[in-house]
Amino acid sequence: MHHLRRLFAKFSITAGWATASVLAGTTMLAGAAWAQTADKFEPQPWQLGMQPPGSPVALAIDQLHDVVNVIIIIITLMVAGLLGWVMYRFSARRNPIPSQTAHHTLLEVAWTALPVLILVGIAIPSFRLVYYEDRTHDADMTLKVTAHQWYWEYTYVDHGNIDFASRFVADEDLKPGQPRLLTADEQLVLPTGKNIRILTTSADVIHSFFIPSLGVQRYAIPGRTIETWVRIDKPGVYYGECNQICGTDHSKMPIDVRGVTPAEFTAWVAMAKKKYAVNQQVAPPAVAALPPTMTLSAKLPAPLPAPVAVAEIQH
């Protein structure tokens, strides 16, 4: 038994050093990946954790994730340690005659109340975050996002209804530095430091407007308009995609967002009004008016004769 204890202790120390080395190495790799693409917020090979946050909502999501992750690790270590202690202390060899204790009031209250308190502690910041990311009450501009199979349509409601479609760029058309399956032919240009109201809807099936580094995720459902918001902290390129299975080309619905300064956005709006055709509402065809000498009754067919009652039929 003493030999087994020494072997277990040696194994635990070795595993601990190995785990620490792996975590340190992966953390350095993740940090290096973030440093290499400071102006691009996109997933990296072998990345651990979330993409660096580019908005207040994304930062709040990261912070809540970290807190809940610490709670989970503590619970896991406590449960694993308790199981190990029980297996060692109350084995059949050490306790040939097991205890007959069936209840312990204080212990039962503790293991019921403690999980409840933990869940309440997690629920309070979770609900606050859900309401925080729901909508903004002081929007500086409104963007309408319409999902199609399989592309996105963007409408700048407050800027002359600028409207354009954004489609997937095939692999053979990619330029150096453009990520595969995340690059669109037309970027969604948004100003930094502004509260932007986003309205999502769909023209066909259910889609999902998802930008991880901005903390944006809303379904696009036919016949419904769903609201969310974003405020981009700094200029850069932010990538996302549809994360609701929507058909054959579901994987080819990238979201390519470019955050620019307010001055650059104003200049882009002036250019976009010339580049993109403004949607024009097609008026319904007018009904030709009747000649003044012709009345409506003249156009109607003559009324049918009154039905003959059965009693009036003579045999």
C-alpha atoms as a PDB file:
ATOM      1  CA  MET A   1       0.000   0.000   0.000  1.00  0.00           C
ATOM      2  CA  HIS A   2       2.849   2.378   0.847  1.00  0.00           C
ATOM      3  CA  HIS A   3       4.430   1.676  -2.556  1.00  0.00           C
ATOM      4  CA  LEU A   4       1.137   2.471  -4.300  1.00  0.00           C
ATOM      5  CA  ARG A   5       0.868   5.762  -2.437  1.00  0.00           C
ATOM      6  CA  ARG A   6       4.366   6.810  -3.522  1.00  0.00           C
ATOM      7  CA  LEU A   7       3.632   5.781  -7.105  1.00  0.00           C
ATOM      8  CA  PHE A   8       0.362   7.721  -7.123  1.00  0.00           C
ATOM      9  CA  ALA A   9       2.036  10.822  -5.678  1.00  0.00           C
ATOM     10  CA  LYS A  10       4.829  10.651  -8.293  1.00  0.00           C
ATOM     11  CA  PHE A  11       2.278  10.268 -11.082  1.00  0.00           C
ATOM     12  CA  SER A  12       0.222  13.206  -9.760  1.00  0.00           C
ATOM     13  CA  ILE A  13       3.266  15.506  -9.676  1.00  0.00           C
ATOM     14  CA  THR A  14       4.318  14.497 -13.195  1.00  0.00           C
ATOM     15  CA  ALA A  15       0.799  14.950 -14.556  1.00  0.00           C
ATOM     16  CA  GLY A  16       0.521  18.304 -12.830  1.00  0.00           C
ATOM     17  CA  TRP A  17       3.746  19.594 -14.394  1.00  0.00           C
ATOM     18  CA  ALA A  18       2.700  18.271 -17.799  1.00  0.00           C
ATOM     19  CA  THR A  19      -0.722  19.916 -17.560  1.00  0.00           C
ATOM     20  CA  ALA A  20       0.809  23.206 -16.478  1.00  0.00           C
ATOM     21  CA  SER A  21       3.280  23.093 -19.370  1.00  0.00           C
ATOM     22  CA  VAL A  22       0.530  22.369 -21.908  1.00  0.00           C
ATOM     23  CA  LEU A  23      -1.664  25.159 -20.570  1.00  0.00           C
ATOM     24  CA  ALA A  24       1.229  27.629 -20.573  1.00  0.00           C
ATOM     25  CA  GLY A  25       2.181  26.658 -24.119  1.00  0.00           C
ATOM     26  CA  THR A  26      -1.341  26.904 -25.477  1.00  0.00           C
ATOM     27  CA  THR A  27      -1.859  30.220 -23.717  1.00  0.00           C
ATOM     28  CA  MET A  28       1.282  31.581 -25.386  1.00  0.00           C
ATOM     29  CA  LEU A  29       0.115  30.271 -28.752  1.00  0.00           C
ATOM     30  CA  ALA A  30      -3.290  31.869 -28.312  1.00  0.00           C
ATOM     31  CA  GLY A  31      -1.689  35.153 -27.300  1.00  0.00           C
ATOM     32  CA  ALA A  32       0.609  35.028 -30.300  1.00  0.00           C
ATOM     33  CA  ALA A  33      -2.324  34.328 -32.613  1.00  0.00           C
ATOM     34  CA  TRP A  34      -4.194  37.331 -31.255  1.00  0.00           C
ATOM     35  CA  ALA A  35      -1.112  39.525 -31.591  1.00  0.00           C
ATOM     36  CA  GLN A  36      -0.639  38.542 -35.241  1.00  0.00           C
ATOM     37  CA  THR A  37      -4.112  39.703 -36.245  1.00  0.00           C
ATOM     38  CA  ALA A  38      -4.707  42.775 -34.114  1.00  0.00           C
ATOM     39  CA  ASP A  39      -7.011  44.348 -36.729  1.00  0.00           C
ATOM     40  CA  LYS A  40      -8.784  41.103 -37.650  1.00  0.00           C
ATOM     41  CA  PHE A  41     -11.118  39.317 -35.283  1.00  0.00           C
ATOM     42  CA  GLU A  42     -11.318  35.783 -36.621  1.00  0.00           C
ATOM     43  CA  PRO A  43     -10.847  32.224 -35.351  1.00  0.00           C
ATOM     44  CA  GLN A  44      -7.267  30.950 -35.275  1.00  0.00           C
ATOM     45  CA  PRO A  45      -5.906  27.393 -35.718  1.00  0.00           C
ATOM     46  CA  TRP A  46      -5.629  25.581 -32.387  1.00  0.00           C
ATOM     47  CA  GLN A  47      -7.139  28.543 -30.585  1.00  0.00           C
ATOM     48  CA  LEU A  48      -8.255  28.032 -26.987  1.00  0.00           C
ATOM     49  CA  GLY A  49     -10.973  30.221 -25.558  1.00  0.00           C
ATOM     50  CA  MET A  50     -13.060  32.802 -27.328  1.00  0.00           C
ATOM     51  CA  GLN A  51     -12.078  35.373 -29.902  1.00  0.00           C
ATOM     52  CA  PRO A  52     -10.887  38.690 -28.429  1.00  0.00           C
ATOM     53  CA  PRO A  53     -13.947  40.862 -27.678  1.00  0.00           C
ATOM     54  CA  GLY A  54     -14.617  43.838 -29.912  1.00  0.00           C
ATOM     55  CA  SER A  55     -17.713  45.229 -28.190  1.00  0.00           C
ATOM     56  CA  PRO A  56     -19.060  45.759 -24.645  1.00  0.00           C
ATOM     57  CA  VAL A  57     -21.453  42.826 -25.038  1.00  0.00           C
ATOM     58  CA  ALA A  58     -18.683  40.462 -26.147  1.00  0.00           C
ATOM     59  CA  LEU A  59     -16.541  41.600 -23.207  1.00  0.00           C
ATOM     60  CA  ALA A  60     -19.409  40.928 -20.780  1.00  0.00           C
ATOM     61  CA  ILE A  61     -19.893  37.461 -22.289  1.00  0.00           C
ATOM     62  CA  ASP A  62     -16.180  36.707 -21.831  1.00  0.00           C
ATOM     63  CA  GLN A  63     -16.231  37.853 -18.217  1.00  0.00           C
ATOM     64  CA  LEU A  64     -19.296  35.764 -17.367  1.00  0.00           C
ATOM     65  CA  HIS A  65     -17.717  32.769 -19.110  1.00  0.00           C
ATOM     66  CA  ASP A  66     -14.552  33.130 -17.017  1.00  0.00           C
ATOM     67  CA  VAL A  67     -16.491  33.358 -13.734  1.00  0.00           C
ATOM     68  CA  VAL A  68     -18.646  30.313 -14.536  1.00  0.00           C
ATOM     69  CA  ASN A  69     -15.570  28.410 -15.702  1.00  0.00           C
ATOM     70  CA  VAL A  70     -13.852  28.996 -12.339  1.00  0.00           C
ATOM     71  CA  ILE A  71     -16.970  27.779 -10.504  1.00  0.00           C
ATOM     72  CA  ILE A  72     -17.079  24.647 -12.671  1.00  0.00           C
ATOM     73  CA  ILE A  73     -13.395  23.889 -12.049  1.00  0.00           C
ATOM     74  CA  ILE A  74     -13.811  24.276  -8.273  1.00  0.00           C
ATOM     75  CA  ILE A  75     -16.860  21.986  -8.244  1.00  0.00           C
ATOM     76  CA  THR A  76     -15.072  19.398 -10.394  1.00  0.00           C
ATOM     77  CA  LEU A  77     -12.022  19.368  -8.124  1.00  0.00           C
ATOM     78  CA  MET A  78     -14.187  19.114  -4.996  1.00  0.00           C
ATOM     79  CA  VAL A  79     -16.242  16.216  -6.367  1.00  0.00           C
ATOM     80  CA  ALA A  80     -13.162  14.386  -7.686  1.00  0.00           C
ATOM     81  CA  GLY A  81     -11.362  14.849  -4.373  1.00  0.00           C
ATOM     82  CA  LEU A  82     -14.371  13.649  -2.407  1.00  0.00           C
ATOM     83  CA  LEU A  83     -14.728  10.556  -4.576  1.00  0.00           C
ATOM     84  CA  GLY A  84     -11.039   9.772  -4.206  1.00  0.00           C
ATOM     85  CA  TRP A  85     -11.219  10.170  -0.431  1.00  0.00           C
ATOM     86  CA  VAL A  86     -14.306   7.946  -0.180  1.00  0.00           C
ATOM     87  CA  MET A  87     -12.672   5.243  -2.324  1.00  0.00           C
ATOM     88  CA  TYR A  88      -9.568   5.283  -0.125  1.00  0.00           C
ATOM     89  CA  ARG A  89     -11.056   5.828   3.338  1.00  0.00           C
ATOM     90  CA  PHE A  90     -14.158   3.654   3.081  1.00  0.00           C
ATOM     91  CA  SER A  91     -12.893   0.731   1.029  1.00  0.00           C
ATOM     92  CA  ALA A  92     -13.917  -2.796   1.972  1.00  0.00           C
ATOM     93  CA  ARG A  93     -10.401  -3.457   3.268  1.00  0.00           C
ATOM     94  CA  ARG A  94     -10.517  -0.547   5.730  1.00  0.00           C
ATOM     95  CA  ASN A  95     -14.199  -1.000   6.623  1.00  0.00           C
ATOM     96  CA  PRO A  96     -15.084  -4.696   6.604  1.00  0.00           C
ATOM     97  CA  ILE A  97     -18.211  -3.806   8.583  1.00  0.00           C
ATOM     98  CA  PRO A  98     -19.828  -0.793   6.850  1.00  0.00           C
ATOM     99  CA  SER A  99     -21.607   1.921   8.796  1.00  0.00           C
ATOM    100  CA  GLN A 100     -25.386   1.688   9.073  1.00  0.00           C
ATOM    101  CA  THR A 101     -25.897   5.474   9.049  1.00  0.00           C
ATOM    102  CA  ALA A 102     -28.683   6.372   6.612  1.00  0.00           C
ATOM    103  CA  HIS A 103     -29.371  10.077   7.298  1.00  0.00           C
ATOM    104  CA  HIS A 104     -27.503  13.174   8.331  1.00  0.00           C
ATOM    105  CA  THR A 105     -29.731  16.252   8.564  1.00  0.00           C
ATOM    106  CA  LEU A 106     -27.003  18.905   8.449  1.00  0.00           C
ATOM    107  CA  LEU A 107     -25.227  17.227   5.526  1.00  0.00           C
ATOM    108  CA  GLU A 108     -28.440  16.824   3.544  1.00  0.00           C
ATOM    109  CA  VAL A 109     -29.395  20.471   4.080  1.00  0.00           C
ATOM    110  CA  ALA A 110     -25.891  21.561   3.061  1.00  0.00           C
ATOM    111  CA  TRP A 111     -25.731  19.579  -0.177  1.00  0.00           C
ATOM    112  CA  THR A 112     -29.185  20.887  -1.122  1.00  0.00           C
ATOM    113  CA  ALA A 113     -28.703  24.530  -0.177  1.00  0.00           C
ATOM    114  CA  LEU A 114     -25.193  24.925  -1.587  1.00  0.00           C
ATOM    115  CA  PRO A 115     -26.115  24.010  -5.208  1.00  0.00           C
ATOM    116  CA  VAL A 116     -29.125  26.322  -4.992  1.00  0.00           C
ATOM    117  CA  LEU A 117     -26.904  29.211  -3.901  1.00  0.00           C
ATOM    118  CA  ILE A 118     -24.425  28.441  -6.680  1.00  0.00           C
ATOM    119  CA  LEU A 119     -27.178  28.429  -9.310  1.00  0.00           C
ATOM    120  CA  VAL A 120     -28.618  31.699  -8.014  1.00  0.00           C
ATOM    121  CA  GLY A 121     -25.147  33.224  -8.094  1.00  0.00           C
ATOM    122  CA  ILE A 122     -24.808  32.197 -11.744  1.00  0.00           C
ATOM    123  CA  ALA A 123     -28.378  33.158 -12.713  1.00  0.00           C
ATOM    124  CA  ILE A 124     -28.217  36.793 -11.520  1.00  0.00           C
ATOM    125  CA  PRO A 125     -25.346  37.930 -13.815  1.00  0.00           C
ATOM    126  CA  SER A 126     -26.692  35.691 -16.598  1.00  0.00           C
ATOM    127  CA  PHE A 127     -30.103  37.394 -16.630  1.00  0.00           C
ATOM    128  CA  ARG A 128     -28.450  40.816 -16.429  1.00  0.00           C
ATOM    129  CA  LEU A 129     -26.356  39.948 -19.484  1.00  0.00           C
ATOM    130  CA  VAL A 130     -29.378  38.633 -21.417  1.00  0.00           C
ATOM    131  CA  TYR A 131     -31.249  41.909 -20.911  1.00  0.00           C
ATOM    132  CA  TYR A 132     -28.117  43.965 -21.615  1.00  0.00           C
ATOM    133  CA  GLU A 133     -27.533  42.345 -25.006  1.00  0.00           C
ATOM    134  CA  ASP A 134     -31.235  42.416 -25.938  1.00  0.00           C
ATOM    135  CA  ARG A 135     -31.518  45.981 -27.269  1.00  0.00           C
ATOM    136  CA  THR A 136     -30.333  49.569 -26.936  1.00  0.00           C
ATOM    137  CA  HIS A 137     -32.613  52.452 -26.058  1.00  0.00           C
ATOM    138  CA  ASP A 138     -30.329  55.159 -27.477  1.00  0.00           C
ATOM    139  CA  ALA A 139     -29.556  53.972 -30.988  1.00  0.00           C
ATOM    140  CA  ASP A 140     -27.424  56.195 -33.212  1.00  0.00           C
ATOM    141  CA  MET A 141     -28.434  54.279 -36.344  1.00  0.00           C
ATOM    142  CA  THR A 142     -30.506  51.304 -37.456  1.00  0.00           C
ATOM    143  CA  LEU A 143     -29.390  48.430 -39.663  1.00  0.00           C
ATOM    144  CA  LYS A 144     -31.835  45.943 -41.153  1.00  0.00           C
ATOM    145  CA  VAL A 145     -30.461  42.476 -41.913  1.00  0.00           C
ATOM    146  CA  THR A 146     -32.471  40.222 -44.224  1.00  0.00           C
ATOM    147  CA  ALA A 147     -31.315  36.628 -44.630  1.00  0.00           C
ATOM    148  CA  HIS A 148     -31.721  34.756 -47.909  1.00  0.00           C
ATOM    149  CA  GLN A 149     -30.690  31.351 -49.191  1.00  0.00           C
ATOM    150  CA  TRP A 150     -27.722  31.867 -49.219  1.00  0.00           C
ATOM    151  CA  TYR A 151     -26.613  35.445 -48.767  1.00  0.00           C
ATOM    152  CA  TRP A 152     -27.245  38.485 -46.569  1.00  0.00           C
ATOM    153  CA  GLU A 153     -29.019  41.699 -47.500  1.00  0.00           C
ATOM    154  CA  TYR A 154     -28.122  44.861 -45.571  1.00  0.00           C
ATOM    155  CA  THR A 155     -30.304  47.984 -45.447  1.00  0.00           C
ATOM    156  CA  TYR A 156     -29.116  51.220 -43.823  1.00  0.00           C
ATOM    157  CA  VAL A 157     -32.496  52.559 -42.745  1.00  0.00           C
ATOM    158  CA  ASP A 158     -31.195  55.951 -41.549  1.00  0.00           C
ATOM    159  CA  HIS A 159     -28.969  56.625 -44.540  1.00  0.00           C
ATOM    160  CA  GLY A 160     -31.250  56.827 -47.546  1.00  0.00           C
ATOM    161  CA  ASN A 161     -32.140  53.133 -47.437  1.00  0.00           C
ATOM    162  CA  ILE A 162     -28.800  52.056 -48.857  1.00  0.00           C
ATOM    163  CA  ASP A 163     -29.378  48.416 -49.731  1.00  0.00           C
ATOM    164  CA  PHE A 164     -27.030  45.742 -51.051  1.00  0.00           C
ATOM    165  CA  ALA A 165     -26.425  42.004 -50.968  1.00  0.00           C
ATOM    166  CA  SER A 166     -23.337  40.355 -49.475  1.00  0.00           C
ATOM    167  CA  ARG A 167     -22.324  36.986 -50.892  1.00  0.00           C
ATOM    168  CA  PHE A 168     -19.727  34.297 -50.332  1.00  0.00           C
ATOM    169  CA  VAL A 169     -16.357  34.522 -52.100  1.00  0.00           C
ATOM    170  CA  ALA A 170     -15.242  31.215 -53.622  1.00  0.00           C
ATOM    171  CA  ASP A 171     -11.833  29.785 -52.767  1.00  0.00           C
ATOM    172  CA  GLU A 172     -10.379  30.464 -56.210  1.00  0.00           C
ATOM    173  CA  ASP A 173     -11.335  34.159 -55.936  1.00  0.00           C
ATOM    174  CA  LEU A 174      -9.778  34.801 -52.531  1.00  0.00           C
ATOM    175  CA  LYS A 175      -6.998  37.371 -52.238  1.00  0.00           C
ATOM    176  CA  PRO A 176      -3.946  36.934 -49.974  1.00  0.00           C
ATOM    177  CA  GLY A 177      -4.905  37.342 -46.326  1.00  0.00           C
ATOM    178  CA  GLN A 178      -8.617  36.727 -46.828  1.00  0.00           C
ATOM    179  CA  PRO A 179      -9.931  33.842 -44.686  1.00  0.00           C
ATOM    180  CA  ARG A 180     -11.671  30.959 -46.376  1.00  0.00           C
ATOM    181  CA  LEU A 181     -15.473  30.690 -45.904  1.00  0.00           C
ATOM    182  CA  LEU A 182     -15.508  33.986 -43.993  1.00  0.00           C
ATOM    183  CA  THR A 183     -14.869  36.518 -46.759  1.00  0.00           C
ATOM    184  CA  ALA A 184     -17.786  38.267 -48.476  1.00  0.00           C
ATOM    185  CA  ASP A 185     -17.798  40.204 -51.736  1.00  0.00           C
ATOM    186  CA  GLU A 186     -19.418  43.216 -50.045  1.00  0.00           C
ATOM    187  CA  GLN A 187     -18.423  44.147 -46.504  1.00  0.00           C
ATOM    188  CA  LEU A 188     -20.874  45.411 -43.907  1.00  0.00           C
ATOM    189  CA  VAL A 189     -19.392  48.797 -42.974  1.00  0.00           C
ATOM    190  CA  LEU A 190     -20.273  50.153 -39.520  1.00  0.00           C
ATOM    191  CA  PRO A 191     -18.966  53.088 -37.463  1.00  0.00           C
ATOM    192  CA  THR A 192     -17.087  52.556 -34.219  1.00  0.00           C
ATOM    193  CA  GLY A 193     -18.260  54.011 -30.908  1.00  0.00           C
ATOM    194  CA  LYS A 194     -21.925  54.158 -32.009  1.00  0.00           C
ATOM    195  CA  ASN A 195     -24.916  52.276 -30.649  1.00  0.00           C
ATOM    196  CA  ILE A 196     -26.277  50.410 -33.668  1.00  0.00           C
ATOM    197  CA  ARG A 197     -29.728  48.863 -33.601  1.00  0.00           C
ATOM    198  CA  ILE A 198     -29.870  45.643 -35.642  1.00  0.00           C
ATOM    199  CA  LEU A 199     -33.181  44.287 -36.957  1.00  0.00           C
ATOM    200  CA  THR A 200     -33.053  40.747 -38.332  1.00  0.00           C
ATOM    201  CA  THR A 201     -35.567  38.957 -40.505  1.00  0.00           C
ATOM    202  CA  SER A 202     -35.604  36.314 -43.249  1.00  0.00           C
ATOM    203  CA  ALA A 203     -37.040  36.013 -46.731  1.00  0.00           C
ATOM    204  CA  ASP A 204     -37.237  32.203 -46.790  1.00  0.00           C
ATOM    205  CA  VAL A 205     -36.115  29.902 -43.941  1.00  0.00           C
ATOM    206  CA  ILE A 206     -34.681  30.360 -40.442  1.00  0.00           C
ATOM    207  CA  HIS A 207     -31.130  31.728 -40.368  1.00  0.00           C
ATOM    208  CA  SER A 208     -28.913  33.088 -37.591  1.00  0.00           C
ATOM    209  CA  PHE A 209     -26.886  36.323 -37.659  1.00  0.00           C
ATOM    210  CA  PHE A 210     -23.799  35.436 -35.600  1.00  0.00           C
ATOM    211  CA  ILE A 211     -20.629  37.497 -35.024  1.00  0.00           C
ATOM    212  CA  PRO A 212     -18.663  35.975 -32.096  1.00  0.00           C
ATOM    213  CA  SER A 213     -16.158  38.780 -31.505  1.00  0.00           C
ATOM    214  CA  LEU A 214     -18.974  41.352 -31.327  1.00  0.00           C
ATOM    215  CA  GLY A 215     -21.271  39.294 -29.114  1.00  0.00           C
ATOM    216  CA  VAL A 216     -24.058  39.360 -31.725  1.00  0.00           C
ATOM    217  CA  GLN A 217     -26.319  36.362 -32.235  1.00  0.00           C
ATOM    218  CA  ARG A 218     -29.928  36.657 -33.362  1.00  0.00           C
ATOM    219  CA  TYR A 219     -32.180  34.377 -35.351  1.00  0.00           C
ATOM    220  CA  ALA A 220     -33.615  35.616 -38.642  1.00  0.00           C
ATOM    221  CA  ILE A 221     -37.119  34.198 -38.925  1.00  0.00           C
ATOM    222  CA  PRO A 222     -39.553  34.683 -41.840  1.00  0.00           C
ATOM    223  CA  GLY A 223     -42.424  36.977 -40.927  1.00  0.00           C
ATOM    224  CA  ARG A 224     -40.732  38.266 -37.773  1.00  0.00           C
ATOM    225  CA  THR A 225     -38.389  41.134 -36.948  1.00  0.00           C
ATOM    226  CA  ILE A 226     -35.991  40.502 -34.061  1.00  0.00           C
ATOM    227  CA  GLU A 227     -33.910  43.238 -32.454  1.00  0.00           C
ATOM    228  CA  THR A 228     -30.422  43.352 -30.989  1.00  0.00           C
ATOM    229  CA  TRP A 229     -27.587  45.900 -30.925  1.00  0.00           C
ATOM    230  CA  VAL A 230     -23.840  46.349 -31.140  1.00  0.00           C
ATOM    231  CA  ARG A 231     -21.215  48.987 -30.400  1.00  0.00           C
ATOM    232  CA  ILE A 232     -17.864  48.346 -32.038  1.00  0.00           C
ATOM    233  CA  ASP A 233     -14.976  49.435 -29.820  1.00  0.00           C
ATOM    234  CA  LYS A 234     -12.222  49.889 -32.380  1.00  0.00           C
ATOM    235  CA  PRO A 235     -11.666  49.756 -36.148  1.00  0.00           C
ATOM    236  CA  GLY A 236     -10.988  46.358 -37.643  1.00  0.00           C
ATOM    237  CA  VAL A 237     -12.509  43.440 -39.525  1.00  0.00           C
ATOM    238  CA  TYR A 238     -14.932  41.202 -37.647  1.00  0.00           C
ATOM    239  CA  TYR A 239     -16.025  37.877 -39.082  1.00  0.00           C
ATOM    240  CA  GLY A 240     -19.134  35.812 -38.493  1.00  0.00           C
ATOM    241  CA  GLU A 241     -21.470  33.457 -40.292  1.00  0.00           C
ATOM    242  CA  CYS A 242     -24.915  31.909 -40.237  1.00  0.00           C
ATOM    243  CA  ASN A 243     -24.953  29.293 -37.479  1.00  0.00           C
ATOM    244  CA  GLN A 244     -28.431  27.907 -38.110  1.00  0.00           C
ATOM    245  CA  ILE A 245     -28.595  25.076 -40.644  1.00  0.00           C
ATOM    246  CA  CYS A 246     -30.506  26.633 -43.532  1.00  0.00           C
ATOM    247  CA  GLY A 247     -29.960  24.358 -46.519  1.00  0.00           C
ATOM    248  CA  THR A 248     -27.359  23.199 -49.020  1.00  0.00           C
ATOM    249  CA  ASP A 249     -25.071  26.251 -48.886  1.00  0.00           C
ATOM    250  CA  HIS A 250     -25.461  26.963 -45.174  1.00  0.00           C
ATOM    251  CA  SER A 251     -21.666  27.086 -44.807  1.00  0.00           C
ATOM    252  CA  LYS A 252     -21.436  29.790 -47.488  1.00  0.00           C
ATOM    253  CA  MET A 253     -23.142  32.654 -45.642  1.00  0.00           C
ATOM    254  CA  PRO A 254     -20.225  34.644 -44.207  1.00  0.00           C
ATOM    255  CA  ILE A 255     -20.640  37.927 -42.333  1.00  0.00           C
ATOM    256  CA  ASP A 256     -17.773  40.281 -43.135  1.00  0.00           C
ATOM    257  CA  VAL A 257     -17.925  43.439 -40.977  1.00  0.00           C
ATOM    258  CA  ARG A 258     -15.540  46.361 -41.246  1.00  0.00           C
ATOM    259  CA  GLY A 259     -15.515  48.785 -38.336  1.00  0.00           C
ATOM    260  CA  VAL A 260     -14.397  52.279 -39.344  1.00  0.00           C
ATOM    261  CA  THR A 261     -14.168  55.658 -37.649  1.00  0.00           C
ATOM    262  CA  PRO A 262     -17.254  57.933 -37.819  1.00  0.00           C
ATOM    263  CA  ALA A 263     -15.502  60.219 -40.332  1.00  0.00           C
ATOM    264  CA  GLU A 264     -14.648  57.263 -42.579  1.00  0.00           C
ATOM    265  CA  PHE A 265     -18.208  55.981 -42.263  1.00  0.00           C
ATOM    266  CA  THR A 266     -19.619  59.352 -43.391  1.00  0.00           C
ATOM    267  CA  ALA A 267     -17.383  59.252 -46.450  1.00  0.00           C
ATOM    268  CA  TRP A 268     -18.410  55.653 -47.151  1.00  0.00           C
ATOM    269  CA  VAL A 269     -22.124  56.557 -46.958  1.00  0.00           C
ATOM    270  CA  ALA A 270     -21.632  59.278 -49.589  1.00  0.00           C
ATOM    271  CA  MET A 271     -19.879  56.772 -51.848  1.00  0.00           C
ATOM    272  CA  ALA A 272     -22.413  54.007 -51.179  1.00  0.00           C
ATOM    273  CA  LYS A 273     -25.359  56.180 -52.176  1.00  0.00           C
ATOM    274  CA  LYS A 274     -23.791  56.418 -55.618  1.00  0.00           C
ATOM    275  CA  LYS A 275     -22.631  52.822 -55.836  1.00  0.00           C
ATOM    276  CA  TYR A 276     -25.753  51.025 -54.674  1.00  0.00           C
ATOM    277  CA  ALA A 277     -29.160  51.615 -56.164  1.00  0.00           C
ATOM    278  CA  VAL A 278     -31.654  52.909 -53.641  1.00  0.00           C
ATOM    279  CA  ASN A 279     -34.698  50.717 -53.341  1.00  0.00           C
ATOM    280  CA  GLN A 280     -37.660  52.220 -55.107  1.00  0.00           C
ATOM    281  CA  GLN A 281     -41.147  51.186 -54.158  1.00  0.00           C
ATOM    282  CA  VAL A 282     -42.986  50.087 -57.297  1.00  0.00           C
ATOM    283  CA  ALA A 283     -46.423  51.688 -57.358  1.00  0.00           C
ATOM    284  CA  PRO A 284     -49.360  49.388 -58.126  1.00  0.00           C
ATOM    285  CA  PRO A 285     -50.807  49.787 -61.641  1.00  0.00           C
ATOM    286  CA  ALA A 286     -53.591  52.371 -61.798  1.00  0.00           C
ATOM    287  CA  VAL A 287     -57.129  51.181 -62.591  1.00  0.00           C
ATOM    288  CA  ALA A 288     -58.414  52.673 -65.821  1.00  0.00           C
ATOM    289  CA  ALA A 289     -61.279  55.082 -65.182  1.00  0.00           C
ATOM    290  CA  LEU A 290     -64.656  54.493 -66.824  1.00  0.00           C
ATOM    291  CA  PRO A 291     -65.773  56.915 -69.523  1.00  0.00           C
ATOM    292  CA  PRO A 292     -67.974  59.669 -68.123  1.00  0.00           C
ATOM    293  CA  THR A 293     -70.967  58.466 -70.185  1.00  0.00           C
ATOM    294  CA  MET A 294     -70.619  54.907 -68.900  1.00  0.00           C
ATOM    295  CA  THR A 295     -71.891  54.071 -65.451  1.00  0.00           C
ATOM    296  CA  LEU A 296     -70.825  51.183 -63.348  1.00  0.00           C
ATOM    297  CA  SER A 297     -74.223  49.552 -63.678  1.00  0.00           C
ATOM    298  CA  ALA A 298     -73.820  49.539 -67.423  1.00  0.00           C
ATOM    299  CA  LYS A 299     -70.773  47.351 -67.093  1.00  0.00           C
ATOM    300  CA  LEU A 300     -72.507  44.798 -64.867  1.00  0.00           C
ATOM    301  CA  PRO A 301     -74.400  41.869 -66.406  1.00  0.00           C
ATOM    302  CA  ALA A 302     -78.182  41.884 -66.258  1.00  0.00           C
ATOM    303  CA  PRO A 303     -79.633  40.265 -63.127  1.00  0.00           C
ATOM    304  CA  LEU A 304     -80.836  36.684 -63.385  1.00  0.00           C
ATOM    305  CA  PRO A 305     -84.636  36.127 -63.481  1.00  0.00           C
ATOM    306  CA  ALA A 306     -86.271  35.376 -60.165  1.00  0.00           C
ATOM    307  CA  PRO A 307     -86.590  31.642 -59.414  1.00  0.00           C
ATOM    308  CA  VAL A 308     -90.011  30.154 -60.070  1.00  0.00           C
ATOM    309  CA  ALA A 309     -91.692  28.770 -56.998  1.00  0.00           C
ATOM    310  CA  VAL A 310     -92.511  25.062 -57.033  1.00  0.00           C
ATOM    311  CA  ALA A 311     -96.177  25.795 -56.251  1.00  0.00           C
ATOM    312  CA  GLU A 312     -96.519  27.895 -59.446  1.00  0.00           C
ATOM    313  CA  ILE A 313     -95.537  25.069 -61.759  1.00  0.00           C
ATOM    314  CA  GLN A 314     -98.664  23.876 -63.584  1.00  0.00           C
ATOM    315  CA  HIS A 315     -98.924  20.312 -64.698  1.00  0.00           C
END
